[in-house]
C-alpha cells in the first residue's frame, strides 16, 4: 500500500474519531491519546485490505 493511500485512510479515521470517542465515552470506556496509535495501525490495515479487495473485485468485473 502506498503512503498516499495510508494518509487518505488516516484522514478518514480522524474525520470519524470524534464520533467514535463519543461512543466510547457513552460506553464508559476511557480512551487516552496513548491508546490511539495501535487502533490507527489496525484501522489502516483493515482499510488497506478492504481497498485491495475492492480493487481486485473491480478488475475482475471489467
C-alpha atoms as a PDB file:
ATOM      1  CA  UNK A   1       0.000   0.000   0.000  1.00  0.00           C
ATOM      2  CA  UNK A   2       1.422   3.369  -0.892  1.00  0.00           C
ATOM      3  CA  UNK A   3       1.861   6.254   1.532  1.00  0.00           C
ATOM      4  CA  UNK A   4      -0.811   8.346  -0.215  1.00  0.00           C
ATOM      5  CA  UNK A   5      -3.489   5.736   0.466  1.00  0.00           C
ATOM      6  CA  UNK A   6      -2.330   5.354   4.049  1.00  0.00           C
ATOM      7  CA  UNK A   7      -2.656   9.118   4.531  1.00  0.00           C
ATOM      8  CA  UNK A   8      -6.148   9.052   2.993  1.00  0.00           C
ATOM      9  CA  UNK A   9      -7.139   6.282   5.411  1.00  0.00           C
ATOM     10  CA  UNK A  10      -5.763   8.278   8.339  1.00  0.00           C
ATOM     11  CA  UNK A  11      -7.773  11.324   7.235  1.00  0.00           C
ATOM     12  CA  UNK A  12     -10.920   9.196   7.117  1.00  0.00           C
ATOM     13  CA  UNK A  13     -10.201   7.839  10.584  1.00  0.00           C
ATOM     14  CA  UNK A  14      -9.661  11.311  12.020  1.00  0.00           C
ATOM     15  CA  UNK A  15     -12.888  12.501  10.395  1.00  0.00           C
ATOM     16  CA  UNK A  16     -14.843   9.921  12.380  1.00  0.00           C
ATOM     17  CA  UNK A  17     -12.723   9.965  15.534  1.00  0.00           C
ATOM     18  CA  UNK A  18     -14.948  12.446  17.439  1.00  0.00           C
ATOM     19  CA  UNK A  19     -17.957  10.201  16.817  1.00  0.00           C
ATOM     20  CA  UNK A  20     -16.035   7.108  17.917  1.00  0.00           C
ATOM     21  CA  UNK A  21     -14.744   8.926  21.012  1.00  0.00           C
ATOM     22  CA  UNK A  22     -18.282   9.936  21.924  1.00  0.00           C
ATOM     23  CA  UNK A  23     -19.456   6.334  21.622  1.00  0.00           C
ATOM     24  CA  UNK A  24     -16.587   5.124  23.796  1.00  0.00           C
ATOM     25  CA  UNK A  25     -17.333   7.804  26.385  1.00  0.00           C
ATOM     26  CA  UNK A  26     -21.008   6.817  26.473  1.00  0.00           C
ATOM     27  CA  UNK A  27     -19.978   3.193  26.985  1.00  0.00           C
ATOM     28  CA  UNK A  28     -17.759   4.215  29.881  1.00  0.00           C
ATOM     29  CA  UNK A  29     -14.544   3.315  28.073  1.00  0.00           C
ATOM     30  CA  UNK A  30     -11.662   5.653  28.771  1.00  0.00           C
ATOM     31  CA  UNK A  31      -9.652   6.262  25.603  1.00  0.00           C
ATOM     32  CA  UNK A  32      -6.395   8.153  26.023  1.00  0.00           C
ATOM     33  CA  UNK A  33      -4.217   9.656  23.272  1.00  0.00           C
ATOM     34  CA  UNK A  34      -1.613   6.970  24.000  1.00  0.00           C
ATOM     35  CA  UNK A  35      -4.141   4.329  23.021  1.00  0.00           C
ATOM     36  CA  UNK A  36      -4.766   5.894  19.611  1.00  0.00           C
ATOM     37  CA  UNK A  37      -1.717   4.590  17.703  1.00  0.00           C
ATOM     38  CA  UNK A  38      -2.434   0.834  17.988  1.00  0.00           C
ATOM     39  CA  UNK A  39      -6.013   1.434  16.855  1.00  0.00           C
ATOM     40  CA  UNK A  40      -4.882   3.605  13.944  1.00  0.00           C
ATOM     41  CA  UNK A  41      -2.466   0.877  12.858  1.00  0.00           C
ATOM     42  CA  UNK A  42      -5.258  -1.696  12.981  1.00  0.00           C
ATOM     43  CA  UNK A  43      -7.615   0.646  11.128  1.00  0.00           C
ATOM     44  CA  UNK A  44      -5.136   1.263   8.313  1.00  0.00           C
ATOM     45  CA  UNK A  45      -4.533  -2.486   7.968  1.00  0.00           C
ATOM     46  CA  UNK A  46      -8.284  -3.099   7.690  1.00  0.00           C
ATOM     47  CA  UNK A  47      -8.719  -0.250   5.198  1.00  0.00           C
ATOM     48  CA  UNK A  48      -5.776  -1.479   3.137  1.00  0.00           C
ATOM     49  CA  UNK A  49      -7.206  -4.988   2.920  1.00  0.00           C
ATOM     50  CA  UNK A  50     -10.662  -3.647   2.043  1.00  0.00           C
ATOM     51  CA  UNK A  51      -9.137  -1.388  -0.623  1.00  0.00           C
ATOM     52  CA  UNK A  52      -7.224  -4.279  -2.202  1.00  0.00           C
ATOM     53  CA  UNK A  53     -10.345  -6.467  -2.120  1.00  0.00           C
ATOM     54  CA  UNK A  54     -12.362  -3.750  -3.869  1.00  0.00           C
ATOM     55  CA  UNK A  55      -9.575  -3.197  -6.376  1.00  0.00           C
ATOM     56  CA  UNK A  56      -9.444  -6.905  -7.245  1.00  0.00           C
ATOM     57  CA  UNK A  57     -13.222  -7.041  -7.491  1.00  0.00           C
ATOM     58  CA  UNK A  58     -13.230  -4.092  -9.899  1.00  0.00           C
ATOM     59  CA  UNK A  59     -10.517  -5.691 -12.050  1.00  0.00           C
ATOM     60  CA  UNK A  60     -12.490  -8.931 -12.318  1.00  0.00           C
ATOM     61  CA  UNK A  61     -15.666  -7.131 -13.419  1.00  0.00           C
ATOM     62  CA  UNK A  62     -14.001  -5.447 -16.390  1.00  0.00           C
END
